[in-house]
């Protein structure tokens, strides 16, 4: 069996980020993820996009 699994992608995600959160911050992130029906990574990426737009103004 091939060691590669999953679907091939053109947008490879090779960078890792580890963060430390307070329990309250972790709870807020989890709540957002549940409401958006998205992963925590997707929530964080969406937040970064919103900040980029705000900073461009």
C-alpha atoms as a PDB file:
ATOM      1  CA  UNK A   1       0.000   0.000   0.000  1.00  0.00           C
ATOM      2  CA  UNK A   2       1.195   3.513  -0.786  1.00  0.00           C
ATOM      3  CA  UNK A   3       2.323   5.623   2.206  1.00  0.00           C
ATOM      4  CA  UNK A   4       0.413   8.614   0.805  1.00  0.00           C
ATOM      5  CA  UNK A   5      -3.234   8.901   1.752  1.00  0.00           C
ATOM      6  CA  UNK A   6      -5.956  11.411   1.068  1.00  0.00           C
ATOM      7  CA  UNK A   7      -6.731  13.428  -2.021  1.00  0.00           C
ATOM      8  CA  UNK A   8      -3.978  15.209  -3.941  1.00  0.00           C
ATOM      9  CA  UNK A   9      -4.035  18.974  -3.672  1.00  0.00           C
ATOM     10  CA  UNK A  10      -2.488  21.939  -5.444  1.00  0.00           C
ATOM     11  CA  UNK A  11      -2.439  23.959  -2.211  1.00  0.00           C
ATOM     12  CA  UNK A  12      -0.075  21.946  -0.038  1.00  0.00           C
ATOM     13  CA  UNK A  13      -0.028  22.938   3.606  1.00  0.00           C
ATOM     14  CA  UNK A  14       3.512  22.352   4.776  1.00  0.00           C
ATOM     15  CA  UNK A  15       3.779  24.927   7.570  1.00  0.00           C
ATOM     16  CA  UNK A  16       2.909  24.072  11.178  1.00  0.00           C
ATOM     17  CA  UNK A  17       1.980  26.465  13.959  1.00  0.00           C
ATOM     18  CA  UNK A  18       1.664  25.606  17.617  1.00  0.00           C
ATOM     19  CA  UNK A  19      -0.029  28.092  19.936  1.00  0.00           C
ATOM     20  CA  UNK A  20      -0.798  28.220  23.618  1.00  0.00           C
ATOM     21  CA  UNK A  21      -4.239  29.374  24.715  1.00  0.00           C
ATOM     22  CA  UNK A  22      -5.917  30.024  28.007  1.00  0.00           C
ATOM     23  CA  UNK A  23      -8.853  27.716  28.723  1.00  0.00           C
ATOM     24  CA  UNK A  24     -11.196  30.620  27.963  1.00  0.00           C
ATOM     25  CA  UNK A  25      -9.543  31.294  24.586  1.00  0.00           C
ATOM     26  CA  UNK A  26      -9.689  27.595  23.704  1.00  0.00           C
ATOM     27  CA  UNK A  27     -13.378  27.522  24.626  1.00  0.00           C
ATOM     28  CA  UNK A  28     -14.083  30.586  22.461  1.00  0.00           C
ATOM     29  CA  UNK A  29     -12.261  29.001  19.523  1.00  0.00           C
ATOM     30  CA  UNK A  30     -14.172  25.734  19.951  1.00  0.00           C
ATOM     31  CA  UNK A  31     -17.489  27.614  20.156  1.00  0.00           C
ATOM     32  CA  UNK A  32     -16.731  29.480  16.925  1.00  0.00           C
ATOM     33  CA  UNK A  33     -15.744  26.241  15.190  1.00  0.00           C
ATOM     34  CA  UNK A  34     -18.973  24.554  16.245  1.00  0.00           C
ATOM     35  CA  UNK A  35     -21.143  27.491  15.141  1.00  0.00           C
ATOM     36  CA  UNK A  36     -19.355  27.663  11.776  1.00  0.00           C
ATOM     37  CA  UNK A  37     -19.316  23.871  11.444  1.00  0.00           C
ATOM     38  CA  UNK A  38     -15.635  24.208  10.609  1.00  0.00           C
ATOM     39  CA  UNK A  39     -12.305  23.125  11.993  1.00  0.00           C
ATOM     40  CA  UNK A  40     -10.351  25.287  14.402  1.00  0.00           C
ATOM     41  CA  UNK A  41      -7.802  25.816  11.624  1.00  0.00           C
ATOM     42  CA  UNK A  42     -10.529  27.142   9.324  1.00  0.00           C
ATOM     43  CA  UNK A  43     -11.739  29.504  12.057  1.00  0.00           C
ATOM     44  CA  UNK A  44      -8.234  30.863  12.585  1.00  0.00           C
ATOM     45  CA  UNK A  45      -7.664  31.265   8.825  1.00  0.00           C
ATOM     46  CA  UNK A  46     -10.946  33.153   8.503  1.00  0.00           C
ATOM     47  CA  UNK A  47      -9.915  35.433  11.376  1.00  0.00           C
ATOM     48  CA  UNK A  48      -6.601  36.184   9.671  1.00  0.00           C
ATOM     49  CA  UNK A  49      -8.431  37.076   6.447  1.00  0.00           C
ATOM     50  CA  UNK A  50     -10.720  39.454   8.357  1.00  0.00           C
ATOM     51  CA  UNK A  51      -7.744  41.130  10.014  1.00  0.00           C
ATOM     52  CA  UNK A  52      -5.973  41.518   6.673  1.00  0.00           C
ATOM     53  CA  UNK A  53      -9.026  43.295   5.255  1.00  0.00           C
ATOM     54  CA  UNK A  54      -9.245  45.546   8.320  1.00  0.00           C
ATOM     55  CA  UNK A  55      -5.558  46.460   8.093  1.00  0.00           C
ATOM     56  CA  UNK A  56      -5.843  47.307   4.381  1.00  0.00           C
ATOM     57  CA  UNK A  57      -8.328  50.080   5.141  1.00  0.00           C
END
